[in-house]
Amino acid sequence: MTPIPQGRNRRAALVGAMCALAVAGTGLLAGCAEDPDEGTNGVGRLPAEQIQTKTRTAARSASAVRLHGSVVSSGRTYTLDMRLKPGGATGSVTAKGATFQLLRIGEQLYLKADAAFWSHGDGQDGEGDAAAAGKLDGKYVKVPQGDPSYQKFSGFTDKDVLLDGLLTLHGKLETDGHHEQAGVRTIRITGDQGSGGTLDVSLEGKPYPLRLVRGGGAGTLRFSAWGQDFPLAEPAKGETVDYGRQLPAS
């Protein structure tokens, strides 16, 4: 005898059996469709505006998250793979073919990259620039808080700032059916029928955002590891360098 399916599969099997009986007895299908929101957190039954509010609230209250994908800003594409929490972040950013590591612990921001990242080749002293870049190669460089680069790069490490800026769809909000992301059931909401962005929100557990397609081709991001803590540790002294002056623009 075939084992009876468990959980949601069992309910689906029972519904299917009932529908088969209904068809055999009366030819009617009314009431036989499975409710896509059965056993979920219920946000799939809400208007799109309320879903957006709830997922932003859930994201802000989460203790940690992993964010990876691409963001287009000011005509430049950044590929991100960051883990973030209120006390800091760690991960990588790729832009213009160069990848660098970011680490923030409290207010202290570190940037780690190879010599090519630090070398501009546009200064008056090319040999001096190359020598300086060589000293920074593979080191965690302390980014001065007063440097313009601090604000630019720290934005990739600030959980609330980053999520608040991303998790807003533009235009008229509507729901766009039930979907699935990495095996998790979702409800999708759109802004202006997708031109203002689309967001898949988890129907299981808390209504965390799982996938964002930004409007205007401005990138696609996935969110995972919600609430999963990760370690942050100061780099060893031998791996750390104070740049000592304004960082090169990148």
C-alpha atoms as a PDB file:
ATOM      1  CA  MET A   1       0.000   0.000   0.000  1.00  0.00           C
ATOM      2  CA  THR A   2       1.295   3.446  -0.876  1.00  0.00           C
ATOM      3  CA  PRO A   3       1.995   5.552   2.269  1.00  0.00           C
ATOM      4  CA  ILE A   4      -0.366   8.453   2.890  1.00  0.00           C
ATOM      5  CA  PRO A   5       1.395  11.772   2.128  1.00  0.00           C
ATOM      6  CA  GLN A   6       1.997  14.005   5.131  1.00  0.00           C
ATOM      7  CA  GLY A   7       1.261  17.705   5.808  1.00  0.00           C
ATOM      8  CA  ARG A   8       0.320  19.840   2.856  1.00  0.00           C
ATOM      9  CA  ASN A   9       0.705  16.934   0.421  1.00  0.00           C
ATOM     10  CA  ARG A  10      -1.790  14.916   2.435  1.00  0.00           C
ATOM     11  CA  ARG A  11      -4.289  17.765   2.375  1.00  0.00           C
ATOM     12  CA  ALA A  12      -3.802  18.093  -1.373  1.00  0.00           C
ATOM     13  CA  ALA A  13      -4.384  14.350  -1.805  1.00  0.00           C
ATOM     14  CA  LEU A  14      -7.587  14.494   0.237  1.00  0.00           C
ATOM     15  CA  VAL A  15      -8.841  17.495  -1.697  1.00  0.00           C
ATOM     16  CA  GLY A  16      -8.057  15.701  -4.944  1.00  0.00           C
ATOM     17  CA  ALA A  17      -9.964  12.607  -3.793  1.00  0.00           C
ATOM     18  CA  MET A  18     -12.967  14.702  -2.797  1.00  0.00           C
ATOM     19  CA  CYS A  19     -12.906  16.463  -6.164  1.00  0.00           C
ATOM     20  CA  ALA A  20     -12.757  13.121  -7.944  1.00  0.00           C
ATOM     21  CA  LEU A  21     -15.822  11.966  -6.029  1.00  0.00           C
ATOM     22  CA  ALA A  22     -17.594  15.215  -6.785  1.00  0.00           C
ATOM     23  CA  VAL A  23     -16.859  14.852 -10.477  1.00  0.00           C
ATOM     24  CA  ALA A  24     -17.993  11.254 -10.485  1.00  0.00           C
ATOM     25  CA  GLY A  25     -21.188  12.006  -8.572  1.00  0.00           C
ATOM     26  CA  THR A  26     -22.305  15.383  -9.850  1.00  0.00           C
ATOM     27  CA  GLY A  27     -19.816  16.688 -12.420  1.00  0.00           C
ATOM     28  CA  LEU A  28     -19.354  19.835 -10.310  1.00  0.00           C
ATOM     29  CA  LEU A  29     -15.925  21.296  -9.428  1.00  0.00           C
ATOM     30  CA  ALA A  30     -17.096  24.152  -7.222  1.00  0.00           C
ATOM     31  CA  GLY A  31     -15.145  24.296  -3.965  1.00  0.00           C
ATOM     32  CA  CYS A  32     -12.515  21.804  -5.060  1.00  0.00           C
ATOM     33  CA  ALA A  33      -9.672  24.234  -5.781  1.00  0.00           C
ATOM     34  CA  GLU A  34      -7.006  24.210  -3.053  1.00  0.00           C
ATOM     35  CA  ASP A  35      -6.652  27.496  -1.175  1.00  0.00           C
ATOM     36  CA  PRO A  36      -3.110  28.790  -1.975  1.00  0.00           C
ATOM     37  CA  ASP A  37      -3.051  30.670   1.343  1.00  0.00           C
ATOM     38  CA  GLU A  38      -4.000  27.682   3.487  1.00  0.00           C
ATOM     39  CA  GLY A  39      -1.362  27.106   6.156  1.00  0.00           C
ATOM     40  CA  THR A  40       0.499  30.334   5.357  1.00  0.00           C
ATOM     41  CA  ASN A  41       1.167  33.468   7.409  1.00  0.00           C
ATOM     42  CA  GLY A  42      -1.882  35.048   5.770  1.00  0.00           C
ATOM     43  CA  VAL A  43      -0.264  38.019   4.034  1.00  0.00           C
ATOM     44  CA  GLY A  44      -1.306  36.629   0.657  1.00  0.00           C
ATOM     45  CA  ARG A  45      -4.873  37.648   1.464  1.00  0.00           C
ATOM     46  CA  LEU A  46      -3.928  41.287   2.105  1.00  0.00           C
ATOM     47  CA  PRO A  47      -3.892  44.246  -0.296  1.00  0.00           C
ATOM     48  CA  ALA A  48      -0.512  44.957  -1.889  1.00  0.00           C
ATOM     49  CA  GLU A  49       0.038  48.135   0.158  1.00  0.00           C
ATOM     50  CA  GLN A  50      -0.335  46.209   3.412  1.00  0.00           C
ATOM     51  CA  ILE A  51       1.962  43.432   2.183  1.00  0.00           C
ATOM     52  CA  GLN A  52       4.670  45.980   1.411  1.00  0.00           C
ATOM     53  CA  THR A  53       4.272  47.541   4.863  1.00  0.00           C
ATOM     54  CA  LYS A  54       4.455  44.183   6.620  1.00  0.00           C
ATOM     55  CA  THR A  55       7.519  42.964   4.727  1.00  0.00           C
ATOM     56  CA  ARG A  56       9.384  46.215   5.399  1.00  0.00           C
ATOM     57  CA  THR A  57       8.532  45.902   9.102  1.00  0.00           C
ATOM     58  CA  ALA A  58       9.667  42.263   9.188  1.00  0.00           C
ATOM     59  CA  ALA A  59      12.933  43.126   7.429  1.00  0.00           C
ATOM     60  CA  ARG A  60      13.710  45.988   9.782  1.00  0.00           C
ATOM     61  CA  SER A  61      13.044  43.874  12.886  1.00  0.00           C
ATOM     62  CA  ALA A  62      15.201  40.942  11.712  1.00  0.00           C
ATOM     63  CA  SER A  63      18.493  40.496  13.548  1.00  0.00           C
ATOM     64  CA  ALA A  64      20.449  39.615  10.391  1.00  0.00           C
ATOM     65  CA  VAL A  65      20.158  38.939   6.660  1.00  0.00           C
ATOM     66  CA  ARG A  66      22.192  37.929   3.630  1.00  0.00           C
ATOM     67  CA  LEU A  67      21.708  40.029   0.508  1.00  0.00           C
ATOM     68  CA  HIS A  68      23.159  39.099  -2.867  1.00  0.00           C
ATOM     69  CA  GLY A  69      22.594  40.206  -6.430  1.00  0.00           C
ATOM     70  CA  SER A  70      23.061  43.346  -8.473  1.00  0.00           C
ATOM     71  CA  VAL A  71      22.214  47.013  -7.998  1.00  0.00           C
ATOM     72  CA  VAL A  72      22.456  49.679 -10.689  1.00  0.00           C
ATOM     73  CA  SER A  73      23.127  53.157  -9.316  1.00  0.00           C
ATOM     74  CA  SER A  74      24.152  56.285 -11.250  1.00  0.00           C
ATOM     75  CA  GLY A  75      24.758  54.166 -14.332  1.00  0.00           C
ATOM     76  CA  ARG A  76      27.136  51.802 -12.542  1.00  0.00           C
ATOM     77  CA  THR A  77      26.382  48.167 -11.732  1.00  0.00           C
ATOM     78  CA  TYR A  78      27.395  46.807  -8.327  1.00  0.00           C
ATOM     79  CA  THR A  79      27.307  43.090  -7.581  1.00  0.00           C
ATOM     80  CA  LEU A  80      26.771  42.528  -3.875  1.00  0.00           C
ATOM     81  CA  ASP A  81      27.111  39.590  -1.534  1.00  0.00           C
ATOM     82  CA  MET A  82      26.697  41.034   1.936  1.00  0.00           C
ATOM     83  CA  ARG A  83      25.687  39.764   5.362  1.00  0.00           C
ATOM     84  CA  LEU A  84      24.242  42.517   7.498  1.00  0.00           C
ATOM     85  CA  LYS A  85      23.088  43.113  11.046  1.00  0.00           C
ATOM     86  CA  PRO A  86      22.614  46.218  13.193  1.00  0.00           C
ATOM     87  CA  GLY A  87      26.170  46.106  14.581  1.00  0.00           C
ATOM     88  CA  GLY A  88      27.959  45.789  11.270  1.00  0.00           C
ATOM     89  CA  ALA A  89      28.393  43.792   8.084  1.00  0.00           C
ATOM     90  CA  THR A  90      30.793  41.752   6.007  1.00  0.00           C
ATOM     91  CA  GLY A  91      30.911  40.747   2.373  1.00  0.00           C
ATOM     92  CA  SER A  92      32.031  41.669  -1.101  1.00  0.00           C
ATOM     93  CA  VAL A  93      31.187  44.253  -3.743  1.00  0.00           C
ATOM     94  CA  THR A  94      32.175  44.093  -7.407  1.00  0.00           C
ATOM     95  CA  ALA A  95      32.162  47.177  -9.604  1.00  0.00           C
ATOM     96  CA  LYS A  96      33.813  47.844 -12.971  1.00  0.00           C
ATOM     97  CA  GLY A  97      35.344  44.372 -12.874  1.00  0.00           C
ATOM     98  CA  ALA A  98      37.085  44.921  -9.538  1.00  0.00           C
ATOM     99  CA  THR A  99      36.033  43.089  -6.382  1.00  0.00           C
ATOM    100  CA  PHE A 100      36.695  44.394  -2.891  1.00  0.00           C
ATOM    101  CA  GLN A 101      35.778  43.208   0.589  1.00  0.00           C
ATOM    102  CA  LEU A 102      33.906  45.363   3.069  1.00  0.00           C
ATOM    103  CA  LEU A 103      33.896  44.903   6.823  1.00  0.00           C
ATOM    104  CA  ARG A 104      32.174  47.240   9.268  1.00  0.00           C
ATOM    105  CA  ILE A 105      32.226  46.787  13.016  1.00  0.00           C
ATOM    106  CA  GLY A 106      30.324  49.531  14.766  1.00  0.00           C
ATOM    107  CA  GLU A 107      31.469  52.784  13.177  1.00  0.00           C
ATOM    108  CA  GLN A 108      34.789  51.425  11.908  1.00  0.00           C
ATOM    109  CA  LEU A 109      34.788  50.554   8.214  1.00  0.00           C
ATOM    110  CA  TYR A 110      37.491  48.475   6.520  1.00  0.00           C
ATOM    111  CA  LEU A 111      38.046  47.940   2.812  1.00  0.00           C
ATOM    112  CA  LYS A 112      40.204  45.132   1.438  1.00  0.00           C
ATOM    113  CA  ALA A 113      41.283  44.965  -2.210  1.00  0.00           C
ATOM    114  CA  ASP A 114      44.200  44.107  -4.446  1.00  0.00           C
ATOM    115  CA  ALA A 115      46.845  46.533  -5.712  1.00  0.00           C
ATOM    116  CA  ALA A 116      45.010  47.117  -9.005  1.00  0.00           C
ATOM    117  CA  PHE A 117      42.050  48.562  -7.097  1.00  0.00           C
ATOM    118  CA  TRP A 118      44.235  51.106  -5.308  1.00  0.00           C
ATOM    119  CA  SER A 119      46.386  52.046  -8.276  1.00  0.00           C
ATOM    120  CA  HIS A 120      45.018  54.875 -10.429  1.00  0.00           C
ATOM    121  CA  GLY A 121      47.911  55.572 -12.723  1.00  0.00           C
ATOM    122  CA  ASP A 122      46.717  59.167 -13.106  1.00  0.00           C
ATOM    123  CA  GLY A 123      48.902  60.810 -10.481  1.00  0.00           C
ATOM    124  CA  GLN A 124      52.083  62.827 -10.956  1.00  0.00           C
ATOM    125  CA  ASP A 125      54.209  60.089  -9.472  1.00  0.00           C
ATOM    126  CA  GLY A 126      53.274  56.791 -11.078  1.00  0.00           C
ATOM    127  CA  GLU A 127      56.014  54.864  -9.306  1.00  0.00           C
ATOM    128  CA  GLY A 128      54.967  56.316  -5.959  1.00  0.00           C
ATOM    129  CA  ASP A 129      51.342  55.420  -6.604  1.00  0.00           C
ATOM    130  CA  ALA A 130      52.304  51.874  -7.533  1.00  0.00           C
ATOM    131  CA  ALA A 131      54.417  51.537  -4.393  1.00  0.00           C
ATOM    132  CA  ALA A 132      51.566  52.816  -2.203  1.00  0.00           C
ATOM    133  CA  ALA A 133      49.110  50.469  -3.914  1.00  0.00           C
ATOM    134  CA  GLY A 134      51.484  47.578  -3.296  1.00  0.00           C
ATOM    135  CA  LYS A 135      51.495  48.289   0.428  1.00  0.00           C
ATOM    136  CA  LEU A 136      47.684  48.208   0.469  1.00  0.00           C
ATOM    137  CA  ASP A 137      47.396  45.025  -1.581  1.00  0.00           C
ATOM    138  CA  GLY A 138      45.365  42.437   0.344  1.00  0.00           C
ATOM    139  CA  LYS A 139      45.259  44.543   3.515  1.00  0.00           C
ATOM    140  CA  TYR A 140      42.245  45.762   5.471  1.00  0.00           C
ATOM    141  CA  VAL A 141      42.416  49.529   5.010  1.00  0.00           C
ATOM    142  CA  LYS A 142      40.719  51.681   7.631  1.00  0.00           C
ATOM    143  CA  VAL A 143      38.421  54.097   5.833  1.00  0.00           C
ATOM    144  CA  PRO A 144      38.484  57.548   7.503  1.00  0.00           C
ATOM    145  CA  GLN A 145      34.983  58.619   8.557  1.00  0.00           C
ATOM    146  CA  GLY A 146      35.545  62.070   7.092  1.00  0.00           C
ATOM    147  CA  ASP A 147      36.452  60.700   3.688  1.00  0.00           C
ATOM    148  CA  PRO A 148      33.802  60.764   0.916  1.00  0.00           C
ATOM    149  CA  SER A 149      34.416  57.065   0.355  1.00  0.00           C
ATOM    150  CA  TYR A 150      33.214  56.306   3.878  1.00  0.00           C
ATOM    151  CA  GLN A 151      29.677  57.432   3.147  1.00  0.00           C
ATOM    152  CA  LYS A 152      29.695  55.742  -0.236  1.00  0.00           C
ATOM    153  CA  PHE A 153      30.902  52.353   0.932  1.00  0.00           C
ATOM    154  CA  SER A 154      29.267  52.295   4.371  1.00  0.00           C
ATOM    155  CA  GLY A 155      25.890  52.431   2.646  1.00  0.00           C
ATOM    156  CA  PHE A 156      26.503  48.866   1.488  1.00  0.00           C
ATOM    157  CA  THR A 157      26.998  47.793   5.121  1.00  0.00           C
ATOM    158  CA  ASP A 158      24.068  49.535   6.856  1.00  0.00           C
ATOM    159  CA  LYS A 159      21.199  47.067   7.106  1.00  0.00           C
ATOM    160  CA  ASP A 160      18.385  49.524   7.776  1.00  0.00           C
ATOM    161  CA  VAL A 161      19.530  52.165   5.296  1.00  0.00           C
ATOM    162  CA  LEU A 162      20.081  49.603   2.565  1.00  0.00           C
ATOM    163  CA  LEU A 163      16.803  47.746   3.063  1.00  0.00           C
ATOM    164  CA  ASP A 164      14.702  50.875   3.504  1.00  0.00           C
ATOM    165  CA  GLY A 165      16.037  52.175   0.219  1.00  0.00           C
ATOM    166  CA  LEU A 166      15.468  48.927  -1.638  1.00  0.00           C
ATOM    167  CA  LEU A 167      12.161  47.599  -0.328  1.00  0.00           C
ATOM    168  CA  THR A 168       9.940  50.299  -1.801  1.00  0.00           C
ATOM    169  CA  LEU A 169       8.111  49.625  -5.039  1.00  0.00           C
ATOM    170  CA  HIS A 170       7.094  52.629  -7.105  1.00  0.00           C
ATOM    171  CA  GLY A 171       3.741  53.431  -8.657  1.00  0.00           C
ATOM    172  CA  LYS A 172       0.424  51.669  -8.159  1.00  0.00           C
ATOM    173  CA  LEU A 173       0.845  48.539  -6.050  1.00  0.00           C
ATOM    174  CA  GLU A 174      -0.913  45.302  -6.970  1.00  0.00           C
ATOM    175  CA  THR A 175      -0.599  41.612  -6.151  1.00  0.00           C
ATOM    176  CA  ASP A 176       0.637  39.346  -8.937  1.00  0.00           C
ATOM    177  CA  GLY A 177      -0.186  35.850  -7.828  1.00  0.00           C
ATOM    178  CA  HIS A 178       1.444  33.127  -5.786  1.00  0.00           C
ATOM    179  CA  HIS A 179       4.963  31.996  -6.637  1.00  0.00           C
ATOM    180  CA  GLU A 180       7.915  30.144  -5.109  1.00  0.00           C
ATOM    181  CA  GLN A 181      11.492  31.147  -4.290  1.00  0.00           C
ATOM    182  CA  ALA A 182      14.049  28.527  -3.264  1.00  0.00           C
ATOM    183  CA  GLY A 183      11.260  26.160  -2.235  1.00  0.00           C
ATOM    184  CA  VAL A 184       9.391  28.779  -0.189  1.00  0.00           C
ATOM    185  CA  ARG A 185       5.885  29.848  -1.180  1.00  0.00           C
ATOM    186  CA  THR A 186       5.592  33.562  -1.871  1.00  0.00           C
ATOM    187  CA  ILE A 187       3.107  36.244  -2.785  1.00  0.00           C
ATOM    188  CA  ARG A 188       4.328  38.675  -5.422  1.00  0.00           C
ATOM    189  CA  ILE A 189       3.553  42.374  -5.427  1.00  0.00           C
ATOM    190  CA  THR A 190       4.339  44.803  -8.227  1.00  0.00           C
ATOM    191  CA  GLY A 191       4.592  48.536  -8.761  1.00  0.00           C
ATOM    192  CA  ASP A 192       2.957  49.824 -11.952  1.00  0.00           C
ATOM    193  CA  GLN A 193       2.568  46.273 -13.257  1.00  0.00           C
ATOM    194  CA  GLY A 194       6.274  45.605 -12.824  1.00  0.00           C
ATOM    195  CA  SER A 195       7.792  48.774 -14.247  1.00  0.00           C
ATOM    196  CA  GLY A 196       8.092  50.055 -10.677  1.00  0.00           C
ATOM    197  CA  GLY A 197       9.604  46.802  -9.435  1.00  0.00           C
ATOM    198  CA  THR A 198       8.426  43.395  -8.210  1.00  0.00           C
ATOM    199  CA  LEU A 199       8.863  41.834  -4.788  1.00  0.00           C
ATOM    200  CA  ASP A 200       8.335  38.244  -3.660  1.00  0.00           C
ATOM    201  CA  VAL A 201       7.305  38.001  -0.007  1.00  0.00           C
ATOM    202  CA  SER A 202       7.463  34.803   2.028  1.00  0.00           C
ATOM    203  CA  LEU A 203       4.167  33.140   2.905  1.00  0.00           C
ATOM    204  CA  GLU A 204       5.930  30.897   5.421  1.00  0.00           C
ATOM    205  CA  GLY A 205       6.884  32.199   8.848  1.00  0.00           C
ATOM    206  CA  LYS A 206       7.502  35.919   8.945  1.00  0.00           C
ATOM    207  CA  PRO A 207       6.724  37.851   5.745  1.00  0.00           C
ATOM    208  CA  TYR A 208      10.345  38.460   4.824  1.00  0.00           C
ATOM    209  CA  PRO A 209      11.216  39.704   1.335  1.00  0.00           C
ATOM    210  CA  LEU A 210      12.934  36.958  -0.665  1.00  0.00           C
ATOM    211  CA  ARG A 211      13.470  38.395  -4.141  1.00  0.00           C
ATOM    212  CA  LEU A 212      13.408  41.929  -5.490  1.00  0.00           C
ATOM    213  CA  VAL A 213      13.495  42.971  -9.132  1.00  0.00           C
ATOM    214  CA  ARG A 214      14.071  46.715  -9.170  1.00  0.00           C
ATOM    215  CA  GLY A 215      12.191  48.891 -11.595  1.00  0.00           C
ATOM    216  CA  GLY A 216      13.857  50.254 -14.699  1.00  0.00           C
ATOM    217  CA  GLY A 217      16.326  47.382 -14.949  1.00  0.00           C
ATOM    218  CA  ALA A 218      18.104  48.589 -11.804  1.00  0.00           C
ATOM    219  CA  GLY A 219      19.089  45.134 -10.619  1.00  0.00           C
ATOM    220  CA  THR A 220      17.826  41.941  -8.994  1.00  0.00           C
ATOM    221  CA  LEU A 221      18.478  40.994  -5.378  1.00  0.00           C
ATOM    222  CA  ARG A 222      17.776  37.921  -3.284  1.00  0.00           C
ATOM    223  CA  PHE A 223      17.437  37.877   0.492  1.00  0.00           C
ATOM    224  CA  SER A 224      18.149  34.858   2.694  1.00  0.00           C
ATOM    225  CA  ALA A 225      19.488  33.745   6.085  1.00  0.00           C
ATOM    226  CA  TRP A 226      16.991  36.002   7.859  1.00  0.00           C
ATOM    227  CA  GLY A 227      17.704  36.069  11.579  1.00  0.00           C
ATOM    228  CA  GLN A 228      20.834  33.903  11.246  1.00  0.00           C
ATOM    229  CA  ASP A 229      23.665  35.527  13.187  1.00  0.00           C
ATOM    230  CA  PHE A 230      27.244  35.617  11.895  1.00  0.00           C
ATOM    231  CA  PRO A 231      30.567  36.601  13.501  1.00  0.00           C
ATOM    232  CA  LEU A 232      32.264  39.985  13.120  1.00  0.00           C
ATOM    233  CA  ALA A 233      35.884  40.276  14.213  1.00  0.00           C
ATOM    234  CA  GLU A 234      38.492  43.008  13.965  1.00  0.00           C
ATOM    235  CA  PRO A 235      41.249  42.110  11.476  1.00  0.00           C
ATOM    236  CA  ALA A 236      44.632  41.232  12.928  1.00  0.00           C
ATOM    237  CA  LYS A 237      47.014  44.169  13.305  1.00  0.00           C
ATOM    238  CA  GLY A 238      49.338  42.680  10.711  1.00  0.00           C
ATOM    239  CA  GLU A 239      46.483  42.702   8.198  1.00  0.00           C
ATOM    240  CA  THR A 240      45.409  46.300   8.849  1.00  0.00           C
ATOM    241  CA  VAL A 241      46.678  49.551   7.336  1.00  0.00           C
ATOM    242  CA  ASP A 242      45.763  53.189   7.954  1.00  0.00           C
ATOM    243  CA  TYR A 243      45.700  54.852   4.570  1.00  0.00           C
ATOM    244  CA  GLY A 244      46.550  58.187   6.160  1.00  0.00           C
ATOM    245  CA  ARG A 245      45.015  60.452   3.552  1.00  0.00           C
ATOM    246  CA  GLN A 246      41.987  60.703   1.293  1.00  0.00           C
ATOM    247  CA  LEU A 247      41.174  57.392  -0.312  1.00  0.00           C
ATOM    248  CA  PRO A 248      41.212  57.119  -4.096  1.00  0.00           C
ATOM    249  CA  ALA A 249      37.818  57.516  -5.720  1.00  0.00           C
ATOM    250  CA  SER A 250      36.488  54.368  -7.329  1.00  0.00           C
END
